[in-house]
Amino acid sequence: MQKGTAALFLLIAGLFIVGLISIFSFRLFSSSAPQLPLNVLIPAPKQLTYKNQQLGLEFQYPNEDSAVKEDSEEEFNKRGNGDFRKNFKGYVGYEPGKSLGAMAVLDATNSFDNSPLTIWVFDNPDNLTVDGWFDKYWYYPFVWGVFDYSSKGHITPDQEATISGQQAKSKIISYQPGKPKFILVSNNQKMYLIRIINGNSNSGDKILSTFKFLP
């Protein structure tokens, strides 16, 4: 009887010790394991992407207080209370290039006039160079109120740049509101007229740095 009692006591003590080890090991593992939150918040992207396959372009813009609005010559005429194409033709004797489309990145002011980035795309079937295009069409529809070539020399694009691998030229016209920078770049039988107005919450130059031509 004493041997049986001793064996039983040893068995119970062994089970008790094993239980304590198991509890200690479980608590140690639980405390060292990373605690995952029940609700994981995924931050919204800081940049949105605008892509227009027809016009062959893509760029990114801030998702806060910004929106891309597609534009047209007709809407531009409405905002300006005039027919700029007709006026241009009557002024210089021939029509400006055919507009294929336009868009503007609008900030919180929702103003096309103060848009950080505006892009107009024109048909360029003859693959005119930037210089050739400016000689013929100037900065239509934004700036063309000069009388002859020598008079427009002060707004001739003369600062070289590279836009998505293509050679471009730009000019800042300081006497216009916002001191806009106009950039001309040719690609795939299209001429891209880009207007940048910096000084807003969304810098046009930063947006333009993400610009690329689509194949």
C-alpha atoms as a PDB file:
ATOM      1  CA  MET A   1       0.000   0.000   0.000  1.00  0.00           C
ATOM      2  CA  GLN A   2       2.803   2.466   0.776  1.00  0.00           C
ATOM      3  CA  LYS A   3       4.478   1.794  -2.575  1.00  0.00           C
ATOM      4  CA  GLY A   4       1.168   2.270  -4.422  1.00  0.00           C
ATOM      5  CA  THR A   5       0.452   5.488  -2.590  1.00  0.00           C
ATOM      6  CA  ALA A   6       3.920   6.803  -3.343  1.00  0.00           C
ATOM      7  CA  ALA A   7       3.566   5.979  -7.056  1.00  0.00           C
ATOM      8  CA  LEU A   8       0.174   7.694  -7.194  1.00  0.00           C
ATOM      9  CA  PHE A   9       1.594  10.754  -5.458  1.00  0.00           C
ATOM     10  CA  LEU A  10       4.488  10.918  -7.925  1.00  0.00           C
ATOM     11  CA  LEU A  11       2.058  10.607 -10.861  1.00  0.00           C
ATOM     12  CA  ILE A  12      -0.138  13.426  -9.577  1.00  0.00           C
ATOM     13  CA  ALA A  13       2.894  15.623  -8.885  1.00  0.00           C
ATOM     14  CA  GLY A  14       4.233  14.946 -12.358  1.00  0.00           C
ATOM     15  CA  LEU A  15       0.929  15.849 -13.988  1.00  0.00           C
ATOM     16  CA  PHE A  16       0.773  19.028 -11.890  1.00  0.00           C
ATOM     17  CA  ILE A  17       4.275  20.047 -12.963  1.00  0.00           C
ATOM     18  CA  VAL A  18       3.500  19.327 -16.635  1.00  0.00           C
ATOM     19  CA  GLY A  19       0.355  21.468 -16.348  1.00  0.00           C
ATOM     20  CA  LEU A  20       2.292  24.366 -14.853  1.00  0.00           C
ATOM     21  CA  ILE A  21       4.872  24.176 -17.651  1.00  0.00           C
ATOM     22  CA  SER A  22       2.115  24.140 -20.293  1.00  0.00           C
ATOM     23  CA  ILE A  23       0.375  27.190 -18.789  1.00  0.00           C
ATOM     24  CA  PHE A  24       3.659  29.106 -18.488  1.00  0.00           C
ATOM     25  CA  SER A  25       4.644  28.256 -22.072  1.00  0.00           C
ATOM     26  CA  PHE A  26       1.215  29.373 -23.421  1.00  0.00           C
ATOM     27  CA  ARG A  27       1.360  32.702 -21.601  1.00  0.00           C
ATOM     28  CA  LEU A  28       4.950  33.290 -22.724  1.00  0.00           C
ATOM     29  CA  PHE A  29       4.045  32.629 -26.387  1.00  0.00           C
ATOM     30  CA  SER A  30       0.926  34.764 -26.214  1.00  0.00           C
ATOM     31  CA  SER A  31       2.788  37.737 -24.732  1.00  0.00           C
ATOM     32  CA  SER A  32       5.612  37.553 -27.298  1.00  0.00           C
ATOM     33  CA  ALA A  33       3.376  37.096 -30.335  1.00  0.00           C
ATOM     34  CA  PRO A  34       2.506  40.356 -32.180  1.00  0.00           C
ATOM     35  CA  GLN A  35      -0.982  41.618 -31.410  1.00  0.00           C
ATOM     36  CA  LEU A  36      -2.843  42.457 -34.615  1.00  0.00           C
ATOM     37  CA  PRO A  37      -5.554  45.103 -34.448  1.00  0.00           C
ATOM     38  CA  LEU A  38      -9.058  44.025 -35.256  1.00  0.00           C
ATOM     39  CA  ASN A  39      -9.575  46.863 -37.751  1.00  0.00           C
ATOM     40  CA  VAL A  40      -6.686  47.645 -40.113  1.00  0.00           C
ATOM     41  CA  LEU A  41      -6.988  51.055 -41.790  1.00  0.00           C
ATOM     42  CA  ILE A  42      -5.336  51.249 -45.213  1.00  0.00           C
ATOM     43  CA  PRO A  43      -4.383  54.832 -46.024  1.00  0.00           C
ATOM     44  CA  ALA A  44      -5.786  56.266 -49.239  1.00  0.00           C
ATOM     45  CA  PRO A  45      -3.258  56.816 -52.027  1.00  0.00           C
ATOM     46  CA  LYS A  46      -1.743  60.284 -52.062  1.00  0.00           C
ATOM     47  CA  GLN A  47      -1.836  60.403 -55.851  1.00  0.00           C
ATOM     48  CA  LEU A  48      -4.546  59.639 -58.371  1.00  0.00           C
ATOM     49  CA  THR A  49      -3.838  58.793 -61.999  1.00  0.00           C
ATOM     50  CA  TYR A  50      -5.485  60.384 -65.019  1.00  0.00           C
ATOM     51  CA  LYS A  51      -5.112  58.452 -68.266  1.00  0.00           C
ATOM     52  CA  ASN A  52      -6.430  59.361 -71.705  1.00  0.00           C
ATOM     53  CA  GLN A  53      -5.611  56.736 -74.289  1.00  0.00           C
ATOM     54  CA  GLN A  54      -7.137  58.718 -77.155  1.00  0.00           C
ATOM     55  CA  LEU A  55      -4.914  61.716 -76.504  1.00  0.00           C
ATOM     56  CA  GLY A  56      -1.976  59.491 -75.538  1.00  0.00           C
ATOM     57  CA  LEU A  57      -1.139  60.861 -72.125  1.00  0.00           C
ATOM     58  CA  GLU A  58      -1.079  60.005 -68.445  1.00  0.00           C
ATOM     59  CA  PHE A  59      -0.173  61.880 -65.260  1.00  0.00           C
ATOM     60  CA  GLN A  60      -0.695  61.784 -61.504  1.00  0.00           C
ATOM     61  CA  TYR A  61      -2.247  64.475 -59.353  1.00  0.00           C
ATOM     62  CA  PRO A  62      -2.968  64.927 -55.616  1.00  0.00           C
ATOM     63  CA  ASN A  63      -6.164  63.313 -54.370  1.00  0.00           C
ATOM     64  CA  GLU A  64      -6.930  66.088 -51.882  1.00  0.00           C
ATOM     65  CA  ASP A  65      -8.771  69.170 -53.143  1.00  0.00           C
ATOM     66  CA  SER A  66      -7.954  68.281 -56.760  1.00  0.00           C
ATOM     67  CA  ALA A  67      -9.885  66.992 -59.733  1.00  0.00           C
ATOM     68  CA  VAL A  68      -9.248  66.555 -63.436  1.00  0.00           C
ATOM     69  CA  LYS A  69     -11.876  68.160 -65.657  1.00  0.00           C
ATOM     70  CA  GLU A  70     -11.903  67.532 -69.377  1.00  0.00           C
ATOM     71  CA  ASP A  71     -12.290  70.679 -71.431  1.00  0.00           C
ATOM     72  CA  SER A  72     -13.029  71.672 -75.022  1.00  0.00           C
ATOM     73  CA  GLU A  73     -12.800  74.645 -77.334  1.00  0.00           C
ATOM     74  CA  GLU A  74     -16.549  75.142 -77.026  1.00  0.00           C
ATOM     75  CA  GLU A  75     -16.412  75.302 -73.221  1.00  0.00           C
ATOM     76  CA  PHE A  76     -13.406  77.621 -73.411  1.00  0.00           C
ATOM     77  CA  ASN A  77     -15.400  79.953 -75.674  1.00  0.00           C
ATOM     78  CA  LYS A  78     -18.309  79.954 -73.224  1.00  0.00           C
ATOM     79  CA  ARG A  79     -16.077  80.937 -70.321  1.00  0.00           C
ATOM     80  CA  GLY A  80     -14.478  83.687 -72.408  1.00  0.00           C
ATOM     81  CA  ASN A  81     -17.733  84.929 -73.941  1.00  0.00           C
ATOM     82  CA  GLY A  82     -16.361  84.727 -77.467  1.00  0.00           C
ATOM     83  CA  ASP A  83     -15.380  82.565 -80.416  1.00  0.00           C
ATOM     84  CA  PHE A  84     -11.604  82.377 -80.146  1.00  0.00           C
ATOM     85  CA  ARG A  85     -11.163  80.268 -83.282  1.00  0.00           C
ATOM     86  CA  LYS A  86     -13.179  82.707 -85.358  1.00  0.00           C
ATOM     87  CA  ASN A  87     -11.337  85.653 -83.842  1.00  0.00           C
ATOM     88  CA  PHE A  88      -7.958  84.050 -84.490  1.00  0.00           C
ATOM     89  CA  LYS A  89      -8.856  83.358 -88.125  1.00  0.00           C
ATOM     90  CA  GLY A  90     -10.096  86.894 -88.614  1.00  0.00           C
ATOM     91  CA  TYR A  91      -6.976  88.283 -86.997  1.00  0.00           C
ATOM     92  CA  VAL A  92      -4.221  86.280 -88.689  1.00  0.00           C
ATOM     93  CA  GLY A  93      -6.057  85.121 -91.816  1.00  0.00           C
ATOM     94  CA  TYR A  94      -6.129  81.340 -91.177  1.00  0.00           C
ATOM     95  CA  GLU A  95      -7.497  78.953 -88.569  1.00  0.00           C
ATOM     96  CA  PRO A  96      -5.467  77.627 -85.634  1.00  0.00           C
ATOM     97  CA  GLY A  97      -4.619  73.941 -85.338  1.00  0.00           C
ATOM     98  CA  LYS A  98      -7.424  71.431 -84.909  1.00  0.00           C
ATOM     99  CA  SER A  99      -8.119  70.838 -81.234  1.00  0.00           C
ATOM    100  CA  LEU A 100      -8.335  67.154 -80.257  1.00  0.00           C
ATOM    101  CA  GLY A 101      -9.113  67.675 -76.582  1.00  0.00           C
ATOM    102  CA  ALA A 102      -8.090  69.415 -73.400  1.00  0.00           C
ATOM    103  CA  MET A 103      -8.089  68.899 -69.648  1.00  0.00           C
ATOM    104  CA  ALA A 104      -7.242  70.839 -66.510  1.00  0.00           C
ATOM    105  CA  VAL A 105      -6.284  69.876 -62.966  1.00  0.00           C
ATOM    106  CA  LEU A 106      -8.521  72.029 -60.760  1.00  0.00           C
ATOM    107  CA  ASP A 107      -7.660  72.817 -57.169  1.00  0.00           C
ATOM    108  CA  ALA A 108      -9.997  73.872 -54.358  1.00  0.00           C
ATOM    109  CA  THR A 109     -10.847  77.117 -56.178  1.00  0.00           C
ATOM    110  CA  ASN A 110     -12.323  75.075 -59.055  1.00  0.00           C
ATOM    111  CA  SER A 111     -11.077  77.706 -61.491  1.00  0.00           C
ATOM    112  CA  PHE A 112      -9.924  76.923 -65.031  1.00  0.00           C
ATOM    113  CA  ASP A 113      -8.140  80.294 -65.117  1.00  0.00           C
ATOM    114  CA  ASN A 114      -5.939  79.367 -62.145  1.00  0.00           C
ATOM    115  CA  SER A 115      -5.533  75.669 -62.912  1.00  0.00           C
ATOM    116  CA  PRO A 116      -2.107  74.385 -61.753  1.00  0.00           C
ATOM    117  CA  LEU A 117      -1.882  72.278 -64.920  1.00  0.00           C
ATOM    118  CA  THR A 118      -3.787  72.666 -68.191  1.00  0.00           C
ATOM    119  CA  ILE A 119      -3.128  70.585 -71.314  1.00  0.00           C
ATOM    120  CA  TRP A 120      -4.468  71.197 -74.798  1.00  0.00           C
ATOM    121  CA  VAL A 121      -3.801  68.639 -77.535  1.00  0.00           C
ATOM    122  CA  PHE A 122      -3.835  69.574 -81.210  1.00  0.00           C
ATOM    123  CA  ASP A 123      -3.666  67.537 -84.381  1.00  0.00           C
ATOM    124  CA  ASN A 124      -0.206  67.816 -85.933  1.00  0.00           C
ATOM    125  CA  PRO A 125      -0.373  65.683 -89.100  1.00  0.00           C
ATOM    126  CA  ASP A 126       2.631  67.450 -90.666  1.00  0.00           C
ATOM    127  CA  ASN A 127       4.747  66.804 -87.563  1.00  0.00           C
ATOM    128  CA  LEU A 128       5.614  70.458 -87.158  1.00  0.00           C
ATOM    129  CA  THR A 129       8.416  71.110 -84.718  1.00  0.00           C
ATOM    130  CA  VAL A 130       7.822  73.195 -81.612  1.00  0.00           C
ATOM    131  CA  ASP A 131       9.375  76.204 -83.356  1.00  0.00           C
ATOM    132  CA  GLY A 132       7.346  75.627 -86.498  1.00  0.00           C
ATOM    133  CA  TRP A 133       4.127  75.298 -84.522  1.00  0.00           C
ATOM    134  CA  PHE A 134       4.752  78.453 -82.537  1.00  0.00           C
ATOM    135  CA  ASP A 135       5.620  80.407 -85.688  1.00  0.00           C
ATOM    136  CA  LYS A 136       2.259  79.412 -87.144  1.00  0.00           C
ATOM    137  CA  TYR A 137      -0.158  79.129 -84.251  1.00  0.00           C
ATOM    138  CA  TRP A 138       1.533  80.855 -81.285  1.00  0.00           C
ATOM    139  CA  TYR A 139      -0.025  79.897 -77.907  1.00  0.00           C
ATOM    140  CA  TYR A 140      -3.581  79.591 -79.202  1.00  0.00           C
ATOM    141  CA  PRO A 141      -6.055  79.788 -77.491  1.00  0.00           C
ATOM    142  CA  PHE A 142      -4.269  81.480 -74.576  1.00  0.00           C
ATOM    143  CA  VAL A 143      -1.930  84.056 -76.132  1.00  0.00           C
ATOM    144  CA  TRP A 144      -1.902  85.322 -79.720  1.00  0.00           C
ATOM    145  CA  GLY A 145      -2.647  89.060 -79.491  1.00  0.00           C
ATOM    146  CA  VAL A 146       0.506  90.358 -81.189  1.00  0.00           C
ATOM    147  CA  PHE A 147       0.819  91.918 -84.617  1.00  0.00           C
ATOM    148  CA  ASP A 148       3.825  90.316 -86.273  1.00  0.00           C
ATOM    149  CA  TYR A 149       6.649  87.886 -85.655  1.00  0.00           C
ATOM    150  CA  SER A 150       9.044  90.495 -84.309  1.00  0.00           C
ATOM    151  CA  SER A 151       6.382  91.648 -81.826  1.00  0.00           C
ATOM    152  CA  LYS A 152       5.913  88.159 -80.435  1.00  0.00           C
ATOM    153  CA  GLY A 153       9.618  87.569 -79.966  1.00  0.00           C
ATOM    154  CA  HIS A 154       9.358  88.299 -76.262  1.00  0.00           C
ATOM    155  CA  ILE A 155       7.046  85.282 -75.798  1.00  0.00           C
ATOM    156  CA  THR A 156       8.898  82.837 -78.064  1.00  0.00           C
ATOM    157  CA  PRO A 157       9.580  79.532 -76.243  1.00  0.00           C
ATOM    158  CA  ASP A 158      13.328  79.451 -75.657  1.00  0.00           C
ATOM    159  CA  GLN A 159      13.838  77.323 -72.528  1.00  0.00           C
ATOM    160  CA  GLU A 160      14.580  73.718 -73.472  1.00  0.00           C
ATOM    161  CA  ALA A 161      13.027  70.869 -71.492  1.00  0.00           C
ATOM    162  CA  THR A 162      12.382  67.137 -71.757  1.00  0.00           C
ATOM    163  CA  ILE A 163       8.835  65.832 -71.354  1.00  0.00           C
ATOM    164  CA  SER A 164       8.479  62.045 -71.173  1.00  0.00           C
ATOM    165  CA  GLY A 165      11.601  61.622 -73.282  1.00  0.00           C
ATOM    166  CA  GLN A 166      10.616  64.211 -75.907  1.00  0.00           C
ATOM    167  CA  GLN A 167      12.311  67.551 -76.478  1.00  0.00           C
ATOM    168  CA  ALA A 168      10.146  70.518 -75.506  1.00  0.00           C
ATOM    169  CA  LYS A 169      10.444  74.289 -75.190  1.00  0.00           C
ATOM    170  CA  SER A 170       8.860  76.627 -72.686  1.00  0.00           C
ATOM    171  CA  LYS A 171       8.393  80.293 -71.850  1.00  0.00           C
ATOM    172  CA  ILE A 172       7.106  82.124 -68.779  1.00  0.00           C
ATOM    173  CA  ILE A 173       4.864  85.062 -69.693  1.00  0.00           C
ATOM    174  CA  SER A 174       5.211  87.264 -66.674  1.00  0.00           C
ATOM    175  CA  TYR A 175       2.652  89.897 -67.663  1.00  0.00           C
ATOM    176  CA  GLN A 176      -0.251  87.438 -67.687  1.00  0.00           C
ATOM    177  CA  PRO A 177      -2.164  86.666 -64.441  1.00  0.00           C
ATOM    178  CA  GLY A 178      -0.397  83.976 -62.437  1.00  0.00           C
ATOM    179  CA  LYS A 179       2.756  84.279 -64.583  1.00  0.00           C
ATOM    180  CA  PRO A 180       1.932  81.106 -66.539  1.00  0.00           C
ATOM    181  CA  LYS A 181       4.595  78.919 -68.092  1.00  0.00           C
ATOM    182  CA  PHE A 182       3.666  77.582 -71.523  1.00  0.00           C
ATOM    183  CA  ILE A 183       5.329  74.414 -72.806  1.00  0.00           C
ATOM    184  CA  LEU A 184       5.099  72.994 -76.320  1.00  0.00           C
ATOM    185  CA  VAL A 185       6.028  69.381 -77.039  1.00  0.00           C
ATOM    186  CA  SER A 186       5.363  67.263 -80.126  1.00  0.00           C
ATOM    187  CA  ASN A 187       4.665  63.540 -80.066  1.00  0.00           C
ATOM    188  CA  ASN A 188       3.044  61.040 -82.443  1.00  0.00           C
ATOM    189  CA  GLN A 189       1.550  63.643 -84.821  1.00  0.00           C
ATOM    190  CA  LYS A 190       0.109  65.637 -81.938  1.00  0.00           C
ATOM    191  CA  MET A 191       1.193  68.935 -80.440  1.00  0.00           C
ATOM    192  CA  TYR A 192       0.777  69.299 -76.681  1.00  0.00           C
ATOM    193  CA  LEU A 193       0.356  72.802 -75.282  1.00  0.00           C
ATOM    194  CA  ILE A 194       0.883  72.701 -71.515  1.00  0.00           C
ATOM    195  CA  ARG A 195       0.176  75.647 -69.247  1.00  0.00           C
ATOM    196  CA  ILE A 196       1.503  75.646 -65.684  1.00  0.00           C
ATOM    197  CA  ILE A 197       0.567  78.100 -62.964  1.00  0.00           C
ATOM    198  CA  ASN A 198       2.598  77.540 -59.816  1.00  0.00           C
ATOM    199  CA  GLY A 199       1.915  79.122 -56.459  1.00  0.00           C
ATOM    200  CA  ASN A 200      -1.199  77.045 -55.750  1.00  0.00           C
ATOM    201  CA  SER A 201      -1.462  74.281 -53.178  1.00  0.00           C
ATOM    202  CA  ASN A 202      -0.906  71.781 -55.999  1.00  0.00           C
ATOM    203  CA  SER A 203       2.224  72.673 -57.912  1.00  0.00           C
ATOM    204  CA  GLY A 204       1.874  72.306 -61.660  1.00  0.00           C
ATOM    205  CA  ASP A 205       5.554  71.417 -62.040  1.00  0.00           C
ATOM    206  CA  LYS A 206       5.178  68.527 -59.593  1.00  0.00           C
ATOM    207  CA  ILE A 207       2.197  67.185 -61.521  1.00  0.00           C
ATOM    208  CA  LEU A 208       4.035  67.594 -64.819  1.00  0.00           C
ATOM    209  CA  SER A 209       6.964  65.574 -63.447  1.00  0.00           C
ATOM    210  CA  THR A 210       4.665  62.497 -63.514  1.00  0.00           C
ATOM    211  CA  PHE A 211       3.491  63.132 -67.102  1.00  0.00           C
ATOM    212  CA  LYS A 212       4.211  60.477 -69.687  1.00  0.00           C
ATOM    213  CA  PHE A 213       3.135  59.694 -73.223  1.00  0.00           C
ATOM    214  CA  LEU A 214       1.240  56.483 -73.812  1.00  0.00           C
ATOM    215  CA  PRO A 215       2.211  54.163 -76.664  1.00  0.00           C
END
